[in-house]
Amino acid sequence: YQRRVHGGPSTVQELPATTMSRAPPPITRGYQGFGSFHSANVQELIARSAEPAPPALPITLPRFARDDFPAFGAAMRAMWLFPPEWCFVNHGAFGAAPHCILDVAEMWRRHMETQPLRFIDRQLLPLLVLCQQKMASFVGADPRDVVFVPNVTHGMNTVVAHVLRTAADAPDSARRIKVYALSTSYGATKKLLKSLLPQVELVQPRVVFPVTADSLVQLVKDTLPHDATLAVFEHIPSNTPFVFPVAEVAQHCRELGVQVLVDGAHALLTLPLHIDTLGVDYYVTNCHKWFCSPKGCALLWVRRERQVGLRPLVVSHGFGHGFTSDFIWNGLDDPAPMLTTLSLLDFWNALGLDAVRDYCRGLLQRATSRLVEVFHPGAATPPAGELLLPLQGDSFMNLVLLPPPLHRPPDLTLWAKLIQDALFDGFVECPTKVVQGRLYLRISCFVYNCDEDYERVGCAVLALAEAARDPTHPLFVNCADDADGGAAMMEEAACDI
């Protein structure tokens, strides 16, 4: 395992000098790319994606096979860095990278520092193109339409700025710009759209739970203005993790001429993506969440005809040479998270994508059913609102209604924070959410989680519910102390939909 996954005792394995220092070809023209980079034109490279001639890798990466890894569940936890005392059922927050992938990132960083100019000036850009080609194939897209960005929020800001700039320059620019988004949008997206006021009219209908795919499609049909400029949707909303019917809604938006931007932060790996077939205009997804890259890596997909005039938030040497060129170099930054995508594709293919999804979804169904049973024992029928989302679903997350003693209006958002803090103090990492005036746990299920994790969550919550019956308990004291300012600060974090 040490030799296969970690590459043996050497941290960075350089290729032979004959490979790394080939005789240069005759000089027939000047710089082929942009700035003073001594590498091929990235626009030409990205267009050659069908040719089986990837650049030679300057380091020897580990290769993964299923036998290298333990079984899913508690044994798989050893592949991550979690301390043993923690019950971590919140992978959906920021993800977590396996230690073998962190080792690969460090290999790339060390190789870069052995001769920075050789790496940055001559090797890096073709390698990033290769990563974009591989990731584009993984998400069902043309590589010419996919670029790396630091995170989904960065990508969302890039697209929104472009759409508004384009609308302002249009012949009918006197028409008021309308942006449409559902109430289930991510908190950062809500703030982004709120920042556009009053120059933009924001239409934000409320999603009422429980929901179905059909009810969501109908909601959009009933509330989307025919003259809207942009509609923003989440593929899997962070706080209420249902799978949104993107393709069906996008079809309706196209019929009205409304551009569609999708926040797919939770979709990469969770869903088998085929972005080219969704019918949207822009799609952004994080690599650091369920795909488990080191932090600082996301994908932005833009429909070809929408790429004209779309510029990165940070303009640098590549600007003006094409979509790939515009985004591939935004100044010197750590390229390791993007370069690790090559190894992550190998990692997940070794584990088996279908096996990973089947395990996580099966565990989620068992965990949800068990927590409902623990929190609401003896109910002849499920208590109203205990499950906002379908038990049979494709997400790796779900919401479970907390026991009645833990519902303490009117300051539910503050109460949500205190419950989450109390769980944290007991080494249980699990968020609480306020939805339609009720408190829920949002549980995540991943390959390193097991049934025992959710038994521990259930016991911790029941202990809090029992303590909440005592008005002298510290939870009540904290609630009284923080009531003045805490609720307002927590409103968006706890997500009162």
Protein backbone atom coordinates (compact mmCIF):
# COMPACT_ATOMS: atom_id res chain seq x y z
CA TYR A 1 0.00 0.00 0.00
CA GLN A 2 2.82 2.41 0.90
CA ARG A 3 4.53 1.85 -2.44
CA ARG A 4 1.37 2.03 -4.53
CA VAL A 5 -0.50 4.87 -2.86
CA HIS A 6 2.33 7.01 -1.54
CA GLY A 7 4.94 6.30 -4.18
CA GLY A 8 7.39 4.66 -1.83
CA PRO A 9 9.76 6.50 0.48
CA SER A 10 10.46 9.35 -1.94
CA THR A 11 8.06 12.29 -1.76
CA VAL A 12 8.69 13.52 -5.31
CA GLN A 13 9.82 11.10 -7.98
CA GLU A 14 11.43 12.99 -10.86
CA LEU A 15 11.47 11.44 -14.31
CA PRO A 16 14.90 10.73 -15.84
CA ALA A 17 16.82 13.73 -17.10
CA THR A 18 16.34 12.59 -20.67
CA THR A 19 12.59 12.94 -20.18
CA MET A 20 12.67 16.22 -18.31
CA SER A 21 15.35 17.91 -20.46
CA ARG A 22 14.62 17.07 -24.06
CA ALA A 23 16.56 18.99 -26.69
CA PRO A 24 14.50 22.04 -27.68
CA PRO A 25 12.96 22.07 -31.15
CA PRO A 26 14.21 24.59 -33.69
CA ILE A 27 12.81 28.07 -33.06
CA THR A 28 10.42 28.90 -35.89
CA ARG A 29 8.21 31.50 -34.20
CA GLY A 30 7.95 33.58 -31.04
CA TYR A 31 5.86 32.94 -27.96
CA GLN A 32 2.96 30.63 -28.83
CA GLY A 33 0.83 31.40 -25.80
CA PHE A 34 0.41 34.58 -23.80
CA GLY A 35 2.73 36.79 -21.82
CA SER A 36 6.20 35.26 -21.68
CA PHE A 37 5.15 31.69 -20.87
CA HIS A 38 7.31 29.14 -22.67
CA SER A 39 4.48 26.70 -23.35
CA ALA A 40 2.06 25.94 -26.15
CA ASN A 41 -1.05 28.02 -26.78
CA VAL A 42 -3.69 26.73 -24.37
CA GLN A 43 -6.51 27.43 -26.82
CA GLU A 44 -4.83 25.09 -29.29
CA LEU A 45 -4.18 22.50 -26.59
CA ILE A 46 -7.75 22.46 -25.30
CA ALA A 47 -9.05 21.97 -28.84
CA ARG A 48 -6.91 18.85 -29.26
CA SER A 49 -8.70 16.96 -26.52
CA ALA A 50 -9.54 14.05 -28.83
CA GLU A 51 -5.86 13.42 -29.58
CA PRO A 52 -4.29 10.75 -27.33
CA ALA A 53 -1.14 12.79 -26.68
CA PRO A 54 -1.25 14.18 -23.13
CA PRO A 55 1.82 15.99 -21.80
CA ALA A 56 4.37 13.86 -19.96
CA LEU A 57 3.86 14.18 -16.22
CA PRO A 58 6.93 15.63 -14.49
CA ILE A 59 6.38 13.50 -11.38
CA THR A 60 5.28 9.93 -10.87
CA LEU A 61 1.82 9.93 -9.37
CA PRO A 62 0.51 7.04 -7.26
CA ARG A 63 -1.97 4.70 -8.90
CA PHE A 64 -4.94 3.39 -6.96
CA ALA A 65 -6.71 0.03 -7.03
CA ARG A 66 -9.69 -1.15 -4.97
CA ASP A 67 -7.51 -3.57 -3.02
CA ASP A 68 -5.52 -0.59 -1.72
CA PHE A 69 -8.49 0.58 0.33
CA PRO A 70 -10.53 -0.79 3.22
CA ALA A 71 -14.27 -1.42 3.04
CA PHE A 72 -16.71 1.49 3.13
CA GLY A 73 -17.72 2.59 6.60
CA ALA A 74 -15.72 2.80 9.81
CA ALA A 75 -12.63 1.17 8.28
CA MET A 76 -12.57 3.71 5.43
CA ARG A 77 -12.26 6.50 7.99
CA ALA A 78 -8.53 5.71 8.22
CA MET A 79 -8.13 7.23 4.75
CA TRP A 80 -9.05 10.65 6.23
CA LEU A 81 -7.42 12.70 9.00
CA PHE A 82 -10.30 12.87 11.49
CA PRO A 83 -9.26 12.51 15.14
CA PRO A 84 -10.83 9.40 16.67
CA GLU A 85 -13.00 11.30 19.17
CA TRP A 86 -15.00 13.10 16.47
CA CYS A 87 -18.29 11.93 15.01
CA PHE A 88 -18.19 13.78 11.69
CA VAL A 89 -21.50 13.72 9.81
CA ASN A 90 -21.14 17.07 8.08
CA HIS A 91 -19.11 16.32 4.96
CA GLY A 92 -21.53 18.51 3.00
CA ALA A 93 -20.19 21.66 4.66
CA PHE A 94 -16.69 21.96 3.20
CA GLY A 95 -15.77 18.39 2.33
CA ALA A 96 -12.52 16.78 3.47
CA ALA A 97 -9.63 15.43 1.41
CA PRO A 98 -8.21 11.91 1.91
CA HIS A 99 -4.66 11.96 3.22
CA CYS A 100 -3.31 10.22 0.11
CA ILE A 101 -4.66 13.10 -2.02
CA LEU A 102 -3.12 15.64 0.35
CA ASP A 103 0.16 13.78 -0.17
CA VAL A 104 -0.23 14.14 -3.94
CA ALA A 105 -0.86 17.88 -3.54
CA GLU A 106 2.34 18.15 -1.56
CA MET A 107 4.22 16.26 -4.26
CA TRP A 108 3.12 18.85 -6.81
CA ARG A 109 4.10 21.72 -4.50
CA ARG A 110 7.54 20.26 -3.85
CA HIS A 111 8.13 19.64 -7.52
CA MET A 112 7.22 23.26 -8.27
CA GLU A 113 9.71 24.53 -5.70
CA THR A 114 12.58 22.41 -7.04
CA GLN A 115 12.70 24.71 -10.10
CA PRO A 116 9.82 27.19 -10.07
CA LEU A 117 10.47 28.71 -13.50
CA ARG A 118 10.68 25.35 -15.22
CA PHE A 119 7.37 24.32 -13.70
CA ILE A 120 5.37 27.55 -13.93
CA ASP A 121 6.78 28.80 -17.21
CA ARG A 122 6.97 25.55 -19.18
CA GLN A 123 5.02 22.69 -17.55
CA LEU A 124 2.05 24.10 -15.66
CA LEU A 125 -0.32 25.38 -18.35
CA PRO A 126 -0.36 22.16 -20.45
CA LEU A 127 -0.92 20.21 -17.22
CA LEU A 128 -3.88 22.41 -16.28
CA VAL A 129 -5.33 21.91 -19.76
CA LEU A 130 -4.99 18.15 -19.26
CA CYS A 131 -6.82 18.40 -15.92
CA GLN A 132 -9.60 20.44 -17.53
CA GLN A 133 -9.94 17.86 -20.30
CA LYS A 134 -10.19 14.97 -17.82
CA MET A 135 -12.66 16.78 -15.57
CA ALA A 136 -14.76 17.88 -18.53
CA SER A 137 -15.11 14.26 -19.56
CA PHE A 138 -16.12 13.34 -16.00
CA VAL A 139 -18.95 15.89 -15.94
CA GLY A 140 -20.14 15.21 -19.51
CA ALA A 141 -18.93 18.42 -21.13
CA ASP A 142 -16.73 19.67 -23.94
CA PRO A 143 -13.33 20.71 -22.51
CA ARG A 144 -13.51 24.00 -24.40
CA ASP A 145 -16.47 24.98 -22.21
CA VAL A 146 -14.94 24.16 -18.80
CA VAL A 147 -12.46 26.20 -16.74
CA PHE A 148 -11.21 26.08 -13.17
CA VAL A 149 -12.23 28.71 -10.62
CA PRO A 150 -11.40 28.79 -6.87
CA ASN A 151 -14.91 27.93 -5.65
CA VAL A 152 -18.59 28.10 -6.59
CA THR A 153 -19.09 31.52 -5.01
CA HIS A 154 -16.31 32.89 -7.21
CA GLY A 155 -17.92 31.34 -10.28
CA MET A 156 -21.37 32.65 -9.39
CA ASN A 157 -20.02 36.18 -9.00
CA THR A 158 -18.23 35.87 -12.34
CA VAL A 159 -21.39 34.87 -14.19
CA VAL A 160 -23.73 37.35 -12.51
CA ALA A 161 -21.35 40.23 -13.24
CA HIS A 162 -21.16 39.15 -16.89
CA VAL A 163 -24.91 38.78 -17.32
CA LEU A 164 -25.64 42.18 -15.80
CA ARG A 165 -22.91 43.87 -17.82
CA THR A 166 -24.21 42.29 -21.02
CA ALA A 167 -27.80 43.26 -20.21
CA ALA A 168 -26.76 46.85 -19.51
CA ASP A 169 -25.07 47.04 -22.92
CA ALA A 170 -28.03 45.56 -24.81
CA PRO A 171 -30.11 47.74 -27.19
CA ASP A 172 -33.07 47.51 -24.82
CA SER A 173 -30.93 48.32 -21.78
CA ALA A 174 -33.56 50.76 -20.52
CA ARG A 175 -35.68 47.74 -19.60
CA ARG A 176 -35.38 46.88 -15.89
CA ILE A 177 -33.19 43.83 -15.28
CA LYS A 178 -34.98 41.03 -13.42
CA VAL A 179 -33.20 38.19 -11.66
CA TYR A 180 -35.11 35.14 -10.41
CA ALA A 181 -34.08 32.80 -7.59
CA LEU A 182 -35.94 30.50 -5.20
CA SER A 183 -36.07 30.95 -1.44
CA THR A 184 -33.91 27.82 -1.05
CA SER A 185 -30.88 29.56 -2.58
CA TYR A 186 -27.58 29.35 -0.71
CA GLY A 187 -26.95 32.19 1.75
CA ALA A 188 -23.96 33.57 -0.18
CA THR A 189 -26.06 33.61 -3.37
CA LYS A 190 -28.85 35.49 -1.60
CA LYS A 191 -26.35 38.10 -0.47
CA LEU A 192 -24.85 38.34 -3.96
CA LEU A 193 -28.29 38.99 -5.45
CA LYS A 194 -29.24 41.35 -2.62
CA SER A 195 -26.12 43.39 -3.39
CA LEU A 196 -27.56 44.13 -6.85
CA LEU A 197 -30.51 46.04 -5.42
CA PRO A 198 -31.97 48.52 -6.31
CA GLN A 199 -30.45 48.42 -9.81
CA VAL A 200 -31.94 44.96 -10.34
CA GLU A 201 -35.42 43.67 -9.56
CA LEU A 202 -35.15 40.43 -7.59
CA VAL A 203 -38.00 37.91 -7.82
CA GLN A 204 -37.71 35.24 -5.10
CA PRO A 205 -40.75 32.97 -4.63
CA ARG A 206 -40.97 30.86 -1.51
CA VAL A 207 -40.60 27.09 -1.72
CA VAL A 208 -43.14 25.37 0.53
CA PHE A 209 -42.28 21.89 1.77
CA PRO A 210 -42.71 19.03 1.25
CA VAL A 211 -41.83 19.21 -2.43
CA THR A 212 -41.71 16.96 -5.48
CA ALA A 213 -40.01 17.44 -8.81
CA ASP A 214 -43.37 18.20 -10.41
CA SER A 215 -44.30 20.77 -7.77
CA LEU A 216 -40.97 22.55 -8.21
CA VAL A 217 -41.37 22.71 -11.98
CA GLN A 218 -44.87 24.07 -11.57
CA LEU A 219 -43.70 26.67 -9.05
CA VAL A 220 -41.17 28.00 -11.56
CA LYS A 221 -43.74 28.03 -14.37
CA ASP A 222 -46.16 29.96 -12.17
CA THR A 223 -43.70 32.56 -10.86
CA LEU A 224 -40.90 33.10 -13.40
CA PRO A 225 -41.42 36.45 -15.16
CA HIS A 226 -41.43 36.10 -18.93
CA ASP A 227 -39.04 39.07 -19.18
CA ALA A 228 -36.51 37.90 -16.59
CA THR A 229 -32.87 38.19 -17.59
CA LEU A 230 -31.40 35.44 -15.39
CA ALA A 231 -32.75 32.54 -13.32
CA VAL A 232 -30.52 31.08 -10.59
CA PHE A 233 -31.06 27.58 -9.20
CA GLU A 234 -29.23 25.14 -6.93
CA HIS A 235 -28.90 21.58 -8.22
CA ILE A 236 -28.86 20.32 -4.62
CA PRO A 237 -29.71 23.13 -2.17
CA SER A 238 -27.29 23.17 0.73
CA ASN A 239 -29.83 23.70 3.52
CA THR A 240 -32.70 21.65 2.05
CA PRO A 241 -30.84 18.99 0.04
CA PHE A 242 -33.35 17.78 -2.54
CA VAL A 243 -32.30 17.19 -6.15
CA PHE A 244 -33.71 20.02 -8.24
CA PRO A 245 -35.19 19.11 -11.67
CA VAL A 246 -32.69 21.23 -13.58
CA ALA A 247 -33.32 19.94 -17.09
CA GLU A 248 -37.10 20.31 -16.91
CA VAL A 249 -36.92 23.83 -15.49
CA ALA A 250 -34.19 24.86 -17.94
CA GLN A 251 -36.42 23.86 -20.84
CA HIS A 252 -39.13 26.24 -19.63
CA CYS A 253 -36.56 29.02 -19.16
CA ARG A 254 -35.26 28.54 -22.71
CA GLU A 255 -38.78 28.87 -24.07
CA LEU A 256 -39.00 32.28 -22.38
CA GLY A 257 -35.48 33.31 -23.38
CA VAL A 258 -34.28 33.43 -19.77
CA GLN A 259 -30.65 32.54 -19.08
CA VAL A 260 -30.05 29.84 -16.45
CA LEU A 261 -27.22 29.73 -13.90
CA VAL A 262 -26.95 26.59 -11.75
CA ASP A 263 -25.12 26.37 -8.44
CA GLY A 264 -24.03 22.73 -8.46
CA ALA A 265 -21.82 22.92 -5.39
CA HIS A 266 -23.05 19.56 -4.06
CA ALA A 267 -23.52 17.78 -7.39
CA LEU A 268 -19.99 16.71 -8.35
CA LEU A 269 -19.61 12.98 -7.52
CA THR A 270 -23.04 12.90 -5.82
CA LEU A 271 -24.78 12.80 -9.22
CA PRO A 272 -23.62 11.38 -12.56
CA LEU A 273 -23.39 14.73 -14.34
CA HIS A 274 -23.96 15.34 -18.05
CA ILE A 275 -23.83 19.11 -18.08
CA ASP A 276 -23.97 19.40 -21.87
CA THR A 277 -27.45 17.86 -21.85
CA LEU A 278 -29.02 19.95 -19.05
CA GLY A 279 -29.94 22.85 -21.30
CA VAL A 280 -28.54 25.51 -18.95
CA ASP A 281 -26.28 28.45 -19.81
CA TYR A 282 -23.88 28.38 -16.85
CA TYR A 283 -23.03 25.67 -14.33
CA VAL A 284 -20.62 25.85 -11.38
CA THR A 285 -19.62 22.94 -9.12
CA ASN A 286 -17.13 22.52 -6.27
CA CYS A 287 -14.36 19.93 -6.34
CA HIS A 288 -13.58 20.25 -2.62
CA LYS A 289 -16.93 18.95 -1.34
CA TRP A 290 -17.93 15.41 -2.34
CA PHE A 291 -15.14 15.05 -4.92
CA CYS A 292 -12.70 15.68 -2.03
CA SER A 293 -10.02 17.84 -3.61
CA PRO A 294 -7.90 20.11 -1.44
CA LYS A 295 -9.62 23.47 -0.92
CA GLY A 296 -9.54 26.01 -3.74
CA CYS A 297 -10.82 24.12 -6.78
CA ALA A 298 -14.13 24.33 -8.67
CA LEU A 299 -15.39 24.03 -12.24
CA LEU A 300 -17.21 26.67 -14.27
CA TRP A 301 -19.02 25.50 -17.42
CA VAL A 302 -20.33 28.08 -19.88
CA ARG A 303 -22.35 27.39 -23.01
CA ARG A 304 -20.24 28.25 -26.05
CA GLU A 305 -22.37 31.13 -27.29
CA ARG A 306 -22.42 32.69 -23.80
CA GLN A 307 -18.61 32.80 -23.55
CA VAL A 308 -18.31 35.93 -25.69
CA GLY A 309 -17.44 38.83 -23.43
CA LEU A 310 -17.36 36.72 -20.25
CA ARG A 311 -14.28 37.74 -18.33
CA PRO A 312 -12.73 36.46 -15.10
CA LEU A 313 -12.98 38.56 -11.96
CA VAL A 314 -9.18 38.80 -12.00
CA VAL A 315 -7.67 39.76 -15.36
CA SER A 316 -4.11 38.69 -16.15
CA HIS A 317 -1.82 37.59 -19.00
CA GLY A 318 -4.27 35.25 -20.70
CA PHE A 319 -7.05 37.77 -21.11
CA GLY A 320 -8.34 38.30 -24.64
CA HIS A 321 -7.00 35.08 -26.14
CA GLY A 322 -10.07 32.86 -25.63
CA PHE A 323 -12.21 31.34 -22.87
CA THR A 324 -9.61 28.82 -21.64
CA SER A 325 -6.83 31.36 -21.87
CA ASP A 326 -8.83 34.01 -20.01
CA PHE A 327 -9.30 31.80 -16.94
CA ILE A 328 -6.27 29.50 -16.84
CA TRP A 329 -3.91 32.11 -15.39
CA ASN A 330 -5.25 34.70 -12.98
CA GLY A 331 -1.93 35.43 -11.35
CA LEU A 332 0.30 33.11 -9.35
CA ASP A 333 -1.61 30.87 -6.96
CA ASP A 334 -1.31 27.35 -5.62
CA PRO A 335 -2.07 25.01 -8.57
CA ALA A 336 -1.93 21.84 -6.47
CA PRO A 337 -5.71 21.52 -5.82
CA MET A 338 -6.40 21.58 -9.56
CA LEU A 339 -3.55 19.20 -10.38
CA THR A 340 -4.78 16.66 -7.82
CA THR A 341 -7.94 16.15 -9.90
CA LEU A 342 -5.94 13.69 -12.03
CA SER A 343 -5.32 11.53 -8.97
CA LEU A 344 -8.85 12.01 -7.62
CA LEU A 345 -10.34 10.66 -10.84
CA ASP A 346 -8.14 7.59 -10.38
CA PHE A 347 -9.10 7.40 -6.69
CA TRP A 348 -12.87 7.43 -7.29
CA ASN A 349 -12.70 5.12 -10.28
CA ALA A 350 -10.74 2.66 -8.14
CA LEU A 351 -13.43 2.74 -5.45
CA GLY A 352 -16.16 2.49 -8.09
CA LEU A 353 -18.55 5.38 -8.67
CA ASP A 354 -21.68 3.23 -8.58
CA ALA A 355 -20.50 1.50 -5.40
CA VAL A 356 -19.77 4.85 -3.72
CA ARG A 357 -23.20 6.26 -4.61
CA ASP A 358 -25.04 3.10 -3.62
CA TYR A 359 -23.29 2.99 -0.25
CA CYS A 360 -23.91 6.66 0.59
CA ARG A 361 -27.57 6.59 -0.46
CA GLY A 362 -28.24 3.32 1.34
CA LEU A 363 -26.62 4.63 4.51
CA LEU A 364 -28.63 7.85 4.25
CA GLN A 365 -31.90 5.93 4.07
CA ARG A 366 -30.99 3.81 7.11
CA ALA A 367 -29.70 6.79 9.10
CA THR A 368 -32.75 8.92 8.34
CA SER A 369 -35.18 6.15 9.26
CA ARG A 370 -33.32 5.39 12.47
CA LEU A 371 -33.17 9.01 13.63
CA VAL A 372 -36.87 9.50 12.91
CA GLU A 373 -37.56 6.42 15.03
CA VAL A 374 -35.32 7.72 17.84
CA PHE A 375 -36.61 11.30 17.81
CA HIS A 376 -40.32 10.45 17.41
CA PRO A 377 -40.89 7.05 19.04
CA GLY A 378 -44.27 5.39 19.08
CA ALA A 379 -45.87 7.58 16.45
CA ALA A 380 -48.53 5.55 14.65
CA THR A 381 -47.95 7.73 11.62
CA PRO A 382 -44.97 9.99 10.92
CA PRO A 383 -45.38 13.34 12.70
CA ALA A 384 -46.24 16.16 10.33
CA GLY A 385 -43.17 17.62 8.68
CA GLU A 386 -40.72 15.07 10.10
CA LEU A 387 -39.44 14.40 6.57
CA LEU A 388 -39.39 17.37 4.23
CA LEU A 389 -37.51 15.45 1.58
CA PRO A 390 -38.09 12.04 -0.04
CA LEU A 391 -36.42 9.17 1.77
CA GLN A 392 -35.59 7.65 -1.59
CA GLY A 393 -33.34 10.24 -3.22
CA ASP A 394 -30.00 10.78 -4.90
CA SER A 395 -28.52 13.28 -2.44
CA PHE A 396 -26.00 12.28 0.23
CA MET A 397 -27.75 14.56 2.78
CA ASN A 398 -31.15 14.78 4.45
CA LEU A 399 -33.09 16.71 7.08
CA VAL A 400 -34.59 15.10 10.20
CA LEU A 401 -37.00 16.94 12.48
CA LEU A 402 -35.59 17.39 15.99
CA PRO A 403 -37.55 16.15 19.05
CA PRO A 404 -40.31 18.50 20.35
CA PRO A 405 -38.46 19.65 23.53
CA LEU A 406 -35.78 21.25 21.31
CA HIS A 407 -38.23 23.56 19.51
CA ARG A 408 -38.10 26.84 21.41
CA PRO A 409 -39.72 29.71 19.55
CA PRO A 410 -39.53 32.60 18.96
CA ASP A 411 -35.72 32.65 18.57
CA LEU A 412 -35.38 29.40 16.62
CA THR A 413 -32.27 30.50 14.75
CA LEU A 414 -30.47 31.23 18.00
CA TRP A 415 -31.75 27.98 19.46
CA ALA A 416 -30.39 26.17 16.38
CA LYS A 417 -26.96 27.63 17.05
CA LEU A 418 -27.01 26.61 20.71
CA ILE A 419 -27.98 23.04 19.82
CA GLN A 420 -25.23 22.81 17.21
CA ASP A 421 -22.73 24.26 19.70
CA ALA A 422 -23.77 21.70 22.33
CA LEU A 423 -23.32 18.86 19.84
CA PHE A 424 -19.93 20.27 18.88
CA ASP A 425 -18.87 20.37 22.52
CA GLY A 426 -19.62 16.64 22.61
CA PHE A 427 -17.45 16.07 19.50
CA VAL A 428 -20.42 15.63 17.18
CA GLU A 429 -20.21 17.74 14.02
CA CYS A 430 -23.73 18.06 12.63
CA PRO A 431 -25.56 21.26 11.62
CA THR A 432 -29.05 22.39 12.58
CA LYS A 433 -31.41 24.18 10.17
CA VAL A 434 -34.59 26.19 10.58
CA VAL A 435 -37.11 25.40 7.86
CA GLN A 436 -40.69 26.70 7.91
CA GLY A 437 -40.48 27.47 11.62
CA ARG A 438 -39.18 24.06 12.70
CA LEU A 439 -35.75 22.77 13.69
CA TYR A 440 -34.00 20.02 11.72
CA LEU A 441 -30.71 18.21 11.73
CA ARG A 442 -28.96 18.06 8.36
CA ILE A 443 -27.04 14.80 8.21
CA SER A 444 -24.44 13.90 5.61
CA CYS A 445 -23.51 10.34 4.68
CA PHE A 446 -20.20 9.52 3.05
CA VAL A 447 -17.92 6.55 2.44
CA TYR A 448 -16.22 6.85 5.86
CA ASN A 449 -19.50 7.05 7.81
CA CYS A 450 -21.31 4.06 9.31
CA ASP A 451 -24.57 3.30 11.12
CA GLU A 452 -22.91 3.75 14.50
CA ASP A 453 -22.21 7.42 13.70
CA TYR A 454 -25.93 8.16 13.56
CA GLU A 455 -26.64 6.14 16.71
CA ARG A 456 -24.20 8.49 18.44
CA VAL A 457 -25.92 11.51 16.91
CA GLY A 458 -29.28 10.20 18.11
CA CYS A 459 -28.03 9.67 21.66
CA ALA A 460 -26.47 13.14 21.78
CA VAL A 461 -29.69 14.79 20.58
CA LEU A 462 -31.86 12.82 23.02
CA ALA A 463 -29.59 13.91 25.87
CA LEU A 464 -30.09 17.54 24.81
CA ALA A 465 -33.84 17.03 24.52
CA GLU A 466 -33.96 15.64 28.06
CA ALA A 467 -31.81 18.50 29.36
CA ALA A 468 -34.07 21.02 27.62
CA ARG A 469 -36.90 20.04 29.95
CA ASP A 470 -34.95 21.70 32.77
CA PRO A 471 -35.31 25.53 32.62
CA THR A 472 -32.09 25.93 34.65
CA HIS A 473 -30.03 24.06 32.09
CA PRO A 474 -27.10 26.05 30.62
CA LEU A 475 -28.76 25.93 27.20
CA PHE A 476 -31.54 28.16 28.52
CA VAL A 477 -29.08 30.45 30.28
CA ASN A 478 -27.09 30.85 27.06
CA CYS A 479 -30.27 31.50 25.11
CA ALA A 480 -31.26 34.30 27.50
CA ASP A 481 -27.76 35.82 27.45
CA ASP A 482 -27.52 35.85 23.65
CA ALA A 483 -31.11 36.71 22.77
CA ASP A 484 -30.44 40.36 21.99
CA GLY A 485 -27.95 40.01 19.14
CA GLY A 486 -27.54 36.34 18.42
CA ALA A 487 -30.76 35.64 16.52
CA ALA A 488 -30.17 38.27 13.85
CA MET A 489 -26.63 37.03 13.25
CA MET A 490 -27.77 33.43 12.98
CA GLU A 491 -30.75 33.98 10.67
CA GLU A 492 -28.99 33.17 7.40
CA ALA A 493 -26.55 30.64 8.83
CA ALA A 494 -29.35 28.51 10.23
CA CYS A 495 -31.40 29.16 7.09
CA ASP A 496 -34.98 29.98 7.89
CA ILE A 497 -36.54 29.00 4.54
